[in-house]
Amino acid sequence: EADAAAPRASGTLESHYAPAAPVSLLDRTELGRRTAVPPGGADRGVAVYSRLVPAAGWTHRPMADDADAVAHELFAALRDFDAAGATAIWVEQPPDDAAWEAVRDRLRRAASR
């Protein structure tokens, strides 16, 4: 018997999918500052999902420029980082326009753990 208090769809959960590694949403300027040089020390396990290209040495997966493409690949990218053993995931904050609203919501949920 279904639990009446349970959400009807996983997308209605506050956390939805959250990778084991903590997710940090960073604006382009801050992400660029943090990834301008190769990773060292505690940053060695950090994975980056962004449109910005970091310095050599970062574990990086390019983010598409198209909101629909990012919505389609987002959770696969996070799962891939988890499978690779990322200790943290830094994600470039998507543009603040209506086309990216669903992506921003998914990222907020992934980072809410």
PDB file of N, CA and C in Angstrom:
ATOM      1  N   GLU A   1       0.842  -1.188   0.000  1.00  0.00           N
ATOM      2  CA  GLU A   1       0.000   0.000   0.000  1.00  0.00           C
ATOM      3  C   GLU A   1       0.883   1.246   0.000  1.00  0.00           C
ATOM      4  N   ALA A   2       0.581   2.189  -0.879  1.00  0.00           N
ATOM      5  CA  ALA A   2       1.374   3.409  -0.999  1.00  0.00           C
ATOM      6  C   ALA A   2       1.202   4.305   0.212  1.00  0.00           C
ATOM      7  N   ASP A   3       2.268   4.973   0.575  1.00  0.00           N
ATOM      8  CA  ASP A   3       2.257   5.921   1.674  1.00  0.00           C
ATOM      9  C   ASP A   3       1.646   7.229   1.168  1.00  0.00           C
ATOM     10  N   ALA A   4       0.565   7.664   1.792  1.00  0.00           N
ATOM     11  CA  ALA A   4      -0.138   8.868   1.347  1.00  0.00           C
ATOM     12  C   ALA A   4       0.730  10.114   1.464  1.00  0.00           C
ATOM     13  N   ALA A   5       1.709  10.109   2.372  1.00  0.00           N
ATOM     14  CA  ALA A   5       2.568  11.276   2.567  1.00  0.00           C
ATOM     15  C   ALA A   5       3.758  11.284   1.604  1.00  0.00           C
ATOM     16  N   ALA A   6       3.979  10.192   0.907  1.00  0.00           N
ATOM     17  CA  ALA A   6       5.122  10.111  -0.005  1.00  0.00           C
ATOM     18  C   ALA A   6       4.871  10.959  -1.242  1.00  0.00           C
ATOM     19  N   PRO A   7       5.934  11.584  -1.775  1.00  0.00           N
ATOM     20  CA  PRO A   7       5.763  12.371  -2.993  1.00  0.00           C
ATOM     21  C   PRO A   7       5.404  11.467  -4.165  1.00  0.00           C
ATOM     22  N   ARG A   8       4.669  12.004  -5.120  1.00  0.00           N
ATOM     23  CA  ARG A   8       4.252  11.239  -6.288  1.00  0.00           C
ATOM     24  C   ARG A   8       5.393  11.038  -7.291  1.00  0.00           C
ATOM     25  N   ALA A   9       6.356  11.929  -7.284  1.00  0.00           N
ATOM     26  CA  ALA A   9       7.475  11.827  -8.219  1.00  0.00           C
ATOM     27  C   ALA A   9       8.759  12.217  -7.513  1.00  0.00           C
ATOM     28  N   SER A  10       9.867  11.573  -7.911  1.00  0.00           N
ATOM     29  CA  SER A  10      11.136  11.867  -7.245  1.00  0.00           C
ATOM     30  C   SER A  10      11.532  13.330  -7.397  1.00  0.00           C
ATOM     31  N   GLY A  11      11.121  13.973  -8.472  1.00  0.00           N
ATOM     32  CA  GLY A  11      11.453  15.377  -8.683  1.00  0.00           C
ATOM     33  C   GLY A  11      10.841  16.313  -7.666  1.00  0.00           C
ATOM     34  N   THR A  12       9.869  15.828  -6.889  1.00  0.00           N
ATOM     35  CA  THR A  12       9.268  16.676  -5.870  1.00  0.00           C
ATOM     36  C   THR A  12      10.010  16.587  -4.543  1.00  0.00           C
ATOM     37  N   LEU A  13      10.992  15.696  -4.446  1.00  0.00           N
ATOM     38  CA  LEU A  13      11.784  15.596  -3.229  1.00  0.00           C
ATOM     39  C   LEU A  13      12.708  16.792  -3.121  1.00  0.00           C
ATOM     40  N   GLU A  14      12.935  17.295  -1.928  1.00  0.00           N
ATOM     41  CA  GLU A  14      13.824  18.437  -1.750  1.00  0.00           C
ATOM     42  C   GLU A  14      15.241  18.083  -2.189  1.00  0.00           C
ATOM     43  N   SER A  15      15.712  16.877  -1.878  1.00  0.00           N
ATOM     44  CA  SER A  15      17.078  16.512  -2.192  1.00  0.00           C
ATOM     45  C   SER A  15      17.225  15.935  -3.601  1.00  0.00           C
ATOM     46  N   HIS A  16      16.195  15.235  -4.113  1.00  0.00           N
ATOM     47  CA  HIS A  16      16.219  14.592  -5.431  1.00  0.00           C
ATOM     48  C   HIS A  16      17.473  13.731  -5.530  1.00  0.00           C
ATOM     49  N   TYR A  17      18.381  13.973  -6.457  1.00  0.00           N
ATOM     50  CA  TYR A  17      19.622  13.200  -6.500  1.00  0.00           C
ATOM     51  C   TYR A  17      20.736  14.064  -5.941  1.00  0.00           C
ATOM     52  N   ALA A  18      21.426  13.539  -4.972  1.00  0.00           N
ATOM     53  CA  ALA A  18      22.585  14.237  -4.430  1.00  0.00           C
ATOM     54  C   ALA A  18      23.756  13.268  -4.444  1.00  0.00           C
ATOM     55  N   PRO A  19      24.828  13.623  -5.124  1.00  0.00           N
ATOM     56  CA  PRO A  19      25.987  12.740  -5.156  1.00  0.00           C
ATOM     57  C   PRO A  19      26.625  12.624  -3.777  1.00  0.00           C
ATOM     58  N   ALA A  20      27.476  11.625  -3.600  1.00  0.00           N
ATOM     59  CA  ALA A  20      28.169  11.443  -2.327  1.00  0.00           C
ATOM     60  C   ALA A  20      29.102  12.624  -2.047  1.00  0.00           C
ATOM     61  N   ALA A  21      29.738  13.143  -3.083  1.00  0.00           N
ATOM     62  CA  ALA A  21      30.619  14.304  -2.931  1.00  0.00           C
ATOM     63  C   ALA A  21      29.764  15.560  -2.787  1.00  0.00           C
ATOM     64  N   PRO A  22      30.144  16.468  -1.897  1.00  0.00           N
ATOM     65  CA  PRO A  22      29.374  17.707  -1.772  1.00  0.00           C
ATOM     66  C   PRO A  22      29.455  18.549  -3.044  1.00  0.00           C
ATOM     67  N   VAL A  23      28.329  19.146  -3.400  1.00  0.00           N
ATOM     68  CA  VAL A  23      28.234  19.995  -4.597  1.00  0.00           C
ATOM     69  C   VAL A  23      28.219  21.454  -4.168  1.00  0.00           C
ATOM     70  N   SER A  24      29.075  22.251  -4.788  1.00  0.00           N
ATOM     71  CA  SER A  24      29.095  23.696  -4.546  1.00  0.00           C
ATOM     72  C   SER A  24      28.782  24.405  -5.852  1.00  0.00           C
ATOM     73  N   LEU A  25      27.798  25.291  -5.816  1.00  0.00           N
ATOM     74  CA  LEU A  25      27.459  26.116  -6.982  1.00  0.00           C
ATOM     75  C   LEU A  25      28.256  27.402  -6.883  1.00  0.00           C
ATOM     76  N   LEU A  26      29.043  27.686  -7.912  1.00  0.00           N
ATOM     77  CA  LEU A  26      29.924  28.848  -7.889  1.00  0.00           C
ATOM     78  C   LEU A  26      29.664  29.726  -9.099  1.00  0.00           C
ATOM     79  N   ASP A  27      29.657  31.054  -8.885  1.00  0.00           N
ATOM     80  CA  ASP A  27      29.510  31.924 -10.050  1.00  0.00           C
ATOM     81  C   ASP A  27      30.793  31.844 -10.867  1.00  0.00           C
ATOM     82  N   ARG A  28      30.689  32.249 -12.100  1.00  0.00           N
ATOM     83  CA  ARG A  28      31.793  32.095 -13.060  1.00  0.00           C
ATOM     84  C   ARG A  28      33.084  32.746 -12.563  1.00  0.00           C
ATOM     85  N   THR A  29      32.975  33.911 -11.955  1.00  0.00           N
ATOM     86  CA  THR A  29      34.155  34.620 -11.467  1.00  0.00           C
ATOM     87  C   THR A  29      34.859  33.824 -10.370  1.00  0.00           C
ATOM     88  N   GLU A  30      34.094  33.341  -9.387  1.00  0.00           N
ATOM     89  CA  GLU A  30      34.680  32.573  -8.288  1.00  0.00           C
ATOM     90  C   GLU A  30      35.257  31.250  -8.794  1.00  0.00           C
ATOM     91  N   LEU A  31      34.534  30.569  -9.676  1.00  0.00           N
ATOM     92  CA  LEU A  31      35.035  29.310 -10.224  1.00  0.00           C
ATOM     93  C   LEU A  31      36.333  29.559 -10.998  1.00  0.00           C
ATOM     94  N   GLY A  32      36.374  30.621 -11.777  1.00  0.00           N
ATOM     95  CA  GLY A  32      37.586  30.961 -12.515  1.00  0.00           C
ATOM     96  C   GLY A  32      38.758  31.236 -11.594  1.00  0.00           C
ATOM     97  N   ARG A  33      38.508  31.921 -10.483  1.00  0.00           N
ATOM     98  CA  ARG A  33      39.568  32.207  -9.511  1.00  0.00           C
ATOM     99  C   ARG A  33      40.109  30.915  -8.915  1.00  0.00           C
ATOM    100  N   ARG A  34      39.186  30.004  -8.553  1.00  0.00           N
ATOM    101  CA  ARG A  34      39.596  28.754  -7.899  1.00  0.00           C
ATOM    102  C   ARG A  34      40.311  27.788  -8.837  1.00  0.00           C
ATOM    103  N   THR A  35      39.999  27.854 -10.122  1.00  0.00           N
ATOM    104  CA  THR A  35      40.559  26.867 -11.067  1.00  0.00           C
ATOM    105  C   THR A  35      41.576  27.469 -12.037  1.00  0.00           C
ATOM    106  N   ALA A  36      42.092  28.644 -11.721  1.00  0.00           N
ATOM    107  CA  ALA A  36      43.044  29.317 -12.612  1.00  0.00           C
ATOM    108  C   ALA A  36      44.408  28.629 -12.634  1.00  0.00           C
ATOM    109  N   VAL A  37      44.697  27.871 -11.601  1.00  0.00           N
ATOM    110  CA  VAL A  37      45.957  27.124 -11.530  1.00  0.00           C
ATOM    111  C   VAL A  37      45.627  25.651 -11.330  1.00  0.00           C
ATOM    112  N   PRO A  38      46.555  24.756 -11.664  1.00  0.00           N
ATOM    113  CA  PRO A  38      46.283  23.325 -11.464  1.00  0.00           C
ATOM    114  C   PRO A  38      45.952  23.030 -10.003  1.00  0.00           C
ATOM    115  N   PRO A  39      45.159  21.985  -9.774  1.00  0.00           N
ATOM    116  CA  PRO A  39      44.774  21.662  -8.401  1.00  0.00           C
ATOM    117  C   PRO A  39      45.958  21.170  -7.580  1.00  0.00           C
ATOM    118  N   GLY A  40      45.914  21.465  -6.313  1.00  0.00           N
ATOM    119  CA  GLY A  40      46.947  20.993  -5.393  1.00  0.00           C
ATOM    120  C   GLY A  40      46.331  20.789  -4.024  1.00  0.00           C
ATOM    121  N   GLY A  41      46.970  20.031  -3.194  1.00  0.00           N
ATOM    122  CA  GLY A  41      46.488  19.804  -1.838  1.00  0.00           C
ATOM    123  C   GLY A  41      45.083  19.244  -1.819  1.00  0.00           C
ATOM    124  N   ALA A  42      44.219  19.873  -1.029  1.00  0.00           N
ATOM    125  CA  ALA A  42      42.837  19.400  -0.856  1.00  0.00           C
ATOM    126  C   ALA A  42      42.028  19.470  -2.146  1.00  0.00           C
ATOM    127  N   ASP A  43      42.459  20.282  -3.103  1.00  0.00           N
ATOM    128  CA  ASP A  43      41.711  20.431  -4.361  1.00  0.00           C
ATOM    129  C   ASP A  43      41.960  19.286  -5.349  1.00  0.00           C
ATOM    130  N   ARG A  44      42.873  18.378  -5.061  1.00  0.00           N
ATOM    131  CA  ARG A  44      43.203  17.302  -6.004  1.00  0.00           C
ATOM    132  C   ARG A  44      42.007  16.406  -6.325  1.00  0.00           C
ATOM    133  N   GLY A  45      41.084  16.233  -5.405  1.00  0.00           N
ATOM    134  CA  GLY A  45      39.929  15.371  -5.641  1.00  0.00           C
ATOM    135  C   GLY A  45      38.696  16.089  -6.151  1.00  0.00           C
ATOM    136  N   VAL A  46      38.824  17.388  -6.407  1.00  0.00           N
ATOM    137  CA  VAL A  46      37.680  18.183  -6.834  1.00  0.00           C
ATOM    138  C   VAL A  46      37.411  17.972  -8.321  1.00  0.00           C
ATOM    139  N   ALA A  47      36.144  17.774  -8.662  1.00  0.00           N
ATOM    140  CA  ALA A  47      35.710  17.680 -10.048  1.00  0.00           C
ATOM    141  C   ALA A  47      34.943  18.949 -10.403  1.00  0.00           C
ATOM    142  N   VAL A  48      35.062  19.374 -11.649  1.00  0.00           N
ATOM    143  CA  VAL A  48      34.464  20.635 -12.086  1.00  0.00           C
ATOM    144  C   VAL A  48      33.538  20.375 -13.277  1.00  0.00           C
ATOM    145  N   TYR A  49      32.316  20.885 -13.172  1.00  0.00           N
ATOM    146  CA  TYR A  49      31.337  20.812 -14.271  1.00  0.00           C
ATOM    147  C   TYR A  49      31.012  22.246 -14.639  1.00  0.00           C
ATOM    148  N   SER A  50      31.517  22.683 -15.802  1.00  0.00           N
ATOM    149  CA  SER A  50      31.388  24.102 -16.122  1.00  0.00           C
ATOM    150  C   SER A  50      31.527  24.370 -17.614  1.00  0.00           C
ATOM    151  N   ARG A  51      31.051  25.554 -18.003  1.00  0.00           N
ATOM    152  CA  ARG A  51      31.291  26.065 -19.348  1.00  0.00           C
ATOM    153  C   ARG A  51      32.672  26.699 -19.403  1.00  0.00           C
ATOM    154  N   LEU A  52      33.126  27.225 -18.288  1.00  0.00           N
ATOM    155  CA  LEU A  52      34.457  27.780 -18.156  1.00  0.00           C
ATOM    156  C   LEU A  52      35.474  26.633 -18.228  1.00  0.00           C
ATOM    157  N   VAL A  53      36.571  26.853 -18.931  1.00  0.00           N
ATOM    158  CA  VAL A  53      37.605  25.821 -19.037  1.00  0.00           C
ATOM    159  C   VAL A  53      38.656  26.081 -17.956  1.00  0.00           C
ATOM    160  N   PRO A  54      38.825  25.146 -17.016  1.00  0.00           N
ATOM    161  CA  PRO A  54      39.816  25.351 -15.955  1.00  0.00           C
ATOM    162  C   PRO A  54      41.236  25.084 -16.443  1.00  0.00           C
ATOM    163  N   ALA A  55      42.195  25.440 -15.614  1.00  0.00           N
ATOM    164  CA  ALA A  55      43.597  25.151 -15.917  1.00  0.00           C
ATOM    165  C   ALA A  55      43.781  23.644 -16.056  1.00  0.00           C
ATOM    166  N   ALA A  56      44.848  23.236 -16.710  1.00  0.00           N
ATOM    167  CA  ALA A  56      45.156  21.813 -16.874  1.00  0.00           C
ATOM    168  C   ALA A  56      45.267  21.141 -15.510  1.00  0.00           C
ATOM    169  N   GLY A  57      44.854  19.887 -15.466  1.00  0.00           N
ATOM    170  CA  GLY A  57      44.983  19.103 -14.241  1.00  0.00           C
ATOM    171  C   GLY A  57      43.699  18.892 -13.478  1.00  0.00           C
ATOM    172  N   TRP A  58      42.698  19.714 -13.731  1.00  0.00           N
ATOM    173  CA  TRP A  58      41.414  19.554 -13.052  1.00  0.00           C
ATOM    174  C   TRP A  58      40.631  18.420 -13.696  1.00  0.00           C
ATOM    175  N   THR A  59      39.895  17.674 -12.898  1.00  0.00           N
ATOM    176  CA  THR A  59      38.930  16.723 -13.438  1.00  0.00           C
ATOM    177  C   THR A  59      37.760  17.573 -13.892  1.00  0.00           C
ATOM    178  N   HIS A  60      37.522  17.626 -15.196  1.00  0.00           N
ATOM    179  CA  HIS A  60      36.540  18.571 -15.736  1.00  0.00           C
ATOM    180  C   HIS A  60      35.638  17.890 -16.747  1.00  0.00           C
ATOM    181  N   ARG A  61      34.377  18.206 -16.654  1.00  0.00           N
ATOM    182  CA  ARG A  61      33.423  17.800 -17.689  1.00  0.00           C
ATOM    183  C   ARG A  61      32.789  19.084 -18.205  1.00  0.00           C
ATOM    184  N   PRO A  62      32.894  19.333 -19.503  1.00  0.00           N
ATOM    185  CA  PRO A  62      32.324  20.557 -20.051  1.00  0.00           C
ATOM    186  C   PRO A  62      30.797  20.579 -19.937  1.00  0.00           C
ATOM    187  N   MET A  63      30.274  21.719 -19.567  1.00  0.00           N
ATOM    188  CA  MET A  63      28.831  21.932 -19.504  1.00  0.00           C
ATOM    189  C   MET A  63      28.404  22.523 -20.846  1.00  0.00           C
ATOM    190  N   ALA A  64      27.359  21.979 -21.418  1.00  0.00           N
ATOM    191  CA  ALA A  64      26.851  22.498 -22.691  1.00  0.00           C
ATOM    192  C   ALA A  64      26.355  23.933 -22.527  1.00  0.00           C
ATOM    193  N   ASP A  65      26.286  24.654 -23.627  1.00  0.00           N
ATOM    194  CA  ASP A  65      25.751  26.019 -23.601  1.00  0.00           C
ATOM    195  C   ASP A  65      24.228  26.037 -23.674  1.00  0.00           C
ATOM    196  N   ASP A  66      23.632  24.874 -23.926  1.00  0.00           N
ATOM    197  CA  ASP A  66      22.192  24.751 -24.104  1.00  0.00           C
ATOM    198  C   ASP A  66      21.549  24.173 -22.840  1.00  0.00           C
ATOM    199  N   ALA A  67      20.555  24.855 -22.291  1.00  0.00           N
ATOM    200  CA  ALA A  67      19.907  24.422 -21.054  1.00  0.00           C
ATOM    201  C   ALA A  67      19.293  23.030 -21.171  1.00  0.00           C
ATOM    202  N   ASP A  68      18.672  22.724 -22.300  1.00  0.00           N
ATOM    203  CA  ASP A  68      18.064  21.401 -22.465  1.00  0.00           C
ATOM    204  C   ASP A  68      19.118  20.296 -22.441  1.00  0.00           C
ATOM    205  N   ALA A  69      20.249  20.543 -23.055  1.00  0.00           N
ATOM    206  CA  ALA A  69      21.322  19.545 -23.061  1.00  0.00           C
ATOM    207  C   ALA A  69      21.864  19.336 -21.654  1.00  0.00           C
ATOM    208  N   VAL A  70      22.040  20.409 -20.901  1.00  0.00           N
ATOM    209  CA  VAL A  70      22.530  20.288 -19.524  1.00  0.00           C
ATOM    210  C   VAL A  70      21.503  19.568 -18.664  1.00  0.00           C
ATOM    211  N   ALA A  71      20.235  19.879 -18.828  1.00  0.00           N
ATOM    212  CA  ALA A  71      19.189  19.184 -18.061  1.00  0.00           C
ATOM    213  C   ALA A  71      19.235  17.690 -18.328  1.00  0.00           C
ATOM    214  N   HIS A  72      19.516  17.312 -19.561  1.00  0.00           N
ATOM    215  CA  HIS A  72      19.569  15.903 -19.952  1.00  0.00           C
ATOM    216  C   HIS A  72      20.792  15.181 -19.374  1.00  0.00           C
ATOM    217  N   GLU A  73      21.937  15.879 -19.277  1.00  0.00           N
ATOM    218  CA  GLU A  73      23.184  15.223 -18.879  1.00  0.00           C
ATOM    219  C   GLU A  73      23.597  15.459 -17.428  1.00  0.00           C
ATOM    220  N   LEU A  74      22.926  16.341 -16.716  1.00  0.00           N
ATOM    221  CA  LEU A  74      23.370  16.770 -15.388  1.00  0.00           C
ATOM    222  C   LEU A  74      23.604  15.614 -14.422  1.00  0.00           C
ATOM    223  N   PHE A  75      22.609  14.778 -14.193  1.00  0.00           N
ATOM    224  CA  PHE A  75      22.759  13.725 -13.197  1.00  0.00           C
ATOM    225  C   PHE A  75      23.781  12.686 -13.635  1.00  0.00           C
ATOM    226  N   ALA A  76      23.913  12.442 -14.929  1.00  0.00           N
ATOM    227  CA  ALA A  76      24.948  11.523 -15.416  1.00  0.00           C
ATOM    228  C   ALA A  76      26.330  12.094 -15.100  1.00  0.00           C
ATOM    229  N   ALA A  77      26.509  13.394 -15.270  1.00  0.00           N
ATOM    230  CA  ALA A  77      27.796  14.021 -14.956  1.00  0.00           C
ATOM    231  C   ALA A  77      28.105  13.874 -13.469  1.00  0.00           C
ATOM    232  N   LEU A  78      27.126  14.147 -12.613  1.00  0.00           N
ATOM    233  CA  LEU A  78      27.341  14.028 -11.169  1.00  0.00           C
ATOM    234  C   LEU A  78      27.648  12.589 -10.776  1.00  0.00           C
ATOM    235  N   ARG A  79      26.924  11.645 -11.356  1.00  0.00           N
ATOM    236  CA  ARG A  79      27.172  10.224 -11.058  1.00  0.00           C
ATOM    237  C   ARG A  79      28.562   9.801 -11.538  1.00  0.00           C
ATOM    238  N   ASP A  80      28.973  10.279 -12.696  1.00  0.00           N
ATOM    239  CA  ASP A  80      30.306   9.958 -13.207  1.00  0.00           C
ATOM    240  C   ASP A  80      31.385  10.486 -12.257  1.00  0.00           C
ATOM    241  N   PHE A  81      31.211  11.693 -11.745  1.00  0.00           N
ATOM    242  CA  PHE A  81      32.175  12.242 -10.786  1.00  0.00           C
ATOM    243  C   PHE A  81      32.215  11.386  -9.520  1.00  0.00           C
ATOM    244  N   ASP A  82      31.042  10.974  -9.048  1.00  0.00           N
ATOM    245  CA  ASP A  82      30.980  10.090  -7.885  1.00  0.00           C
ATOM    246  C   ASP A  82      31.734   8.792  -8.146  1.00  0.00           C
ATOM    247  N   ALA A  83      31.470   8.188  -9.286  1.00  0.00           N
ATOM    248  CA  ALA A  83      32.104   6.916  -9.629  1.00  0.00           C
ATOM    249  C   ALA A  83      33.623   7.059  -9.730  1.00  0.00           C
ATOM    250  N   ALA A  84      34.096   8.231 -10.110  1.00  0.00           N
ATOM    251  CA  ALA A  84      35.534   8.480 -10.223  1.00  0.00           C
ATOM    252  C   ALA A  84      36.164   8.813  -8.875  1.00  0.00           C
ATOM    253  N   GLY A  85      35.343   8.916  -7.820  1.00  0.00           N
ATOM    254  CA  GLY A  85      35.867   9.184  -6.486  1.00  0.00           C
ATOM    255  C   GLY A  85      36.084  10.641  -6.140  1.00  0.00           C
ATOM    256  N   ALA A  86      35.364  11.545  -6.792  1.00  0.00           N
ATOM    257  CA  ALA A  86      35.509  12.976  -6.484  1.00  0.00           C
ATOM    258  C   ALA A  86      35.235  13.225  -5.003  1.00  0.00           C
ATOM    259  N   THR A  87      36.034  14.108  -4.410  1.00  0.00           N
ATOM    260  CA  THR A  87      35.832  14.477  -3.003  1.00  0.00           C
ATOM    261  C   THR A  87      34.915  15.685  -2.879  1.00  0.00           C
ATOM    262  N   ALA A  88      34.787  16.437  -3.947  1.00  0.00           N
ATOM    263  CA  ALA A  88      33.891  17.589  -4.017  1.00  0.00           C
ATOM    264  C   ALA A  88      33.607  17.859  -5.489  1.00  0.00           C
ATOM    265  N   ILE A  89      32.464  18.495  -5.745  1.00  0.00           N
ATOM    266  CA  ILE A  89      32.089  18.850  -7.115  1.00  0.00           C
ATOM    267  C   ILE A  89      31.758  20.333  -7.141  1.00  0.00           C
ATOM    268  N   TRP A  90      32.478  21.057  -7.980  1.00  0.00           N
ATOM    269  CA  TRP A  90      32.213  22.477  -8.170  1.00  0.00           C
ATOM    270  C   TRP A  90      31.483  22.639  -9.489  1.00  0.00           C
ATOM    271  N   VAL A  91      30.337  23.307  -9.440  1.00  0.00           N
ATOM    272  CA  VAL A  91      29.512  23.493 -10.628  1.00  0.00           C
ATOM    273  C   VAL A  91      29.344  24.981 -10.898  1.00  0.00           C
ATOM    274  N   GLU A  92      29.561  25.358 -12.157  1.00  0.00           N
ATOM    275  CA  GLU A  92      29.337  26.746 -12.552  1.00  0.00           C
ATOM    276  C   GLU A  92      27.843  27.047 -12.507  1.00  0.00           C
ATOM    277  N   GLN A  93      27.489  28.112 -11.811  1.00  0.00           N
ATOM    278  CA  GLN A  93      26.092  28.538 -11.728  1.00  0.00           C
ATOM    279  C   GLN A  93      25.590  28.841 -13.131  1.00  0.00           C
ATOM    280  N   PRO A  94      24.476  28.214 -13.541  1.00  0.00           N
ATOM    281  CA  PRO A  94      23.942  28.488 -14.880  1.00  0.00           C
ATOM    282  C   PRO A  94      23.410  29.915 -15.001  1.00  0.00           C
ATOM    283  N   PRO A  95      23.216  30.361 -16.229  1.00  0.00           N
ATOM    284  CA  PRO A  95      22.660  31.704 -16.440  1.00  0.00           C
ATOM    285  C   PRO A  95      21.336  31.898 -15.699  1.00  0.00           C
ATOM    286  N   ASP A  96      21.092  33.134 -15.324  1.00  0.00           N
ATOM    287  CA  ASP A  96      19.876  33.464 -14.570  1.00  0.00           C
ATOM    288  C   ASP A  96      18.776  33.909 -15.531  1.00  0.00           C
ATOM    289  N   ASP A  97      18.321  32.966 -16.359  1.00  0.00           N
ATOM    290  CA  ASP A  97      17.180  33.269 -17.221  1.00  0.00           C
ATOM    291  C   ASP A  97      16.238  32.074 -17.235  1.00  0.00           C
ATOM    292  N   ALA A  98      15.064  32.283 -17.757  1.00  0.00           N
ATOM    293  CA  ALA A  98      13.993  31.281 -17.683  1.00  0.00           C
ATOM    294  C   ALA A  98      14.378  29.938 -18.301  1.00  0.00           C
ATOM    295  N   ALA A  99      15.155  29.937 -19.354  1.00  0.00           N
ATOM    296  CA  ALA A  99      15.515  28.685 -20.019  1.00  0.00           C
ATOM    297  C   ALA A  99      16.296  27.756 -19.100  1.00  0.00           C
ATOM    298  N   TRP A 100      17.003  28.317 -18.127  1.00  0.00           N
ATOM    299  CA  TRP A 100      17.861  27.540 -17.236  1.00  0.00           C
ATOM    300  C   TRP A 100      17.204  27.255 -15.882  1.00  0.00           C
ATOM    301  N   GLU A 101      15.961  27.632 -15.703  1.00  0.00           N
ATOM    302  CA  GLU A 101      15.298  27.489 -14.400  1.00  0.00           C
ATOM    303  C   GLU A 101      15.292  26.044 -13.895  1.00  0.00           C
ATOM    304  N   ALA A 102      14.969  25.089 -14.745  1.00  0.00           N
ATOM    305  CA  ALA A 102      14.925  23.685 -14.319  1.00  0.00           C
ATOM    306  C   ALA A 102      16.310  23.184 -13.922  1.00  0.00           C
ATOM    307  N   VAL A 103      17.337  23.600 -14.652  1.00  0.00           N
ATOM    308  CA  VAL A 103      18.705  23.190 -14.321  1.00  0.00           C
ATOM    309  C   VAL A 103      19.109  23.777 -12.975  1.00  0.00           C
ATOM    310  N   ARG A 104      18.827  25.063 -12.761  1.00  0.00           N
ATOM    311  CA  ARG A 104      19.154  25.681 -11.477  1.00  0.00           C
ATOM    312  C   ARG A 104      18.448  24.966 -10.334  1.00  0.00           C
ATOM    313  N   ASP A 105      17.189  24.570 -10.547  1.00  0.00           N
ATOM    314  CA  ASP A 105      16.449  23.855  -9.510  1.00  0.00           C
ATOM    315  C   ASP A 105      17.093  22.503  -9.212  1.00  0.00           C
ATOM    316  N   ARG A 106      17.458  21.758 -10.248  1.00  0.00           N
ATOM    317  CA  ARG A 106      18.100  20.455 -10.047  1.00  0.00           C
ATOM    318  C   ARG A 106      19.425  20.590  -9.329  1.00  0.00           C
ATOM    319  N   LEU A 107      20.197  21.597  -9.692  1.00  0.00           N
ATOM    320  CA  LEU A 107      21.484  21.825  -9.022  1.00  0.00           C
ATOM    321  C   LEU A 107      21.296  22.225  -7.560  1.00  0.00           C
ATOM    322  N   ARG A 108      20.306  23.056  -7.304  1.00  0.00           N
ATOM    323  CA  ARG A 108      20.028  23.447  -5.917  1.00  0.00           C
ATOM    324  C   ARG A 108      19.678  22.215  -5.092  1.00  0.00           C
ATOM    325  N   ARG A 109      18.897  21.329  -5.654  1.00  0.00           N
ATOM    326  CA  ARG A 109      18.526  20.105  -4.939  1.00  0.00           C
ATOM    327  C   ARG A 109      19.722  19.191  -4.718  1.00  0.00           C
ATOM    328  N   ALA A 110      20.584  19.084  -5.732  1.00  0.00           N
ATOM    329  CA  ALA A 110      21.768  18.235  -5.608  1.00  0.00           C
ATOM    330  C   ALA A 110      22.715  18.773  -4.538  1.00  0.00           C
ATOM    331  N   ALA A 111      22.744  20.090  -4.386  1.00  0.00           N
ATOM    332  CA  ALA A 111      23.636  20.725  -3.420  1.00  0.00           C
ATOM    333  C   ALA A 111      23.021  20.828  -2.029  1.00  0.00           C
ATOM    334  N   SER A 112      21.767  20.414  -1.876  1.00  0.00           N
ATOM    335  CA  SER A 112      21.057  20.653  -0.605  1.00  0.00           C
ATOM    336  C   SER A 112      21.286  19.602   0.461  1.00  0.00           C
ATOM    337  N   ARG A 113      22.148  18.675   0.246  1.00  0.00           N
ATOM    338  CA  ARG A 113      22.345  17.617   1.238  1.00  0.00           C
ATOM    339  C   ARG A 113      23.099  18.052   2.450  1.00  0.00           C
TER     340      ARG A 113
END
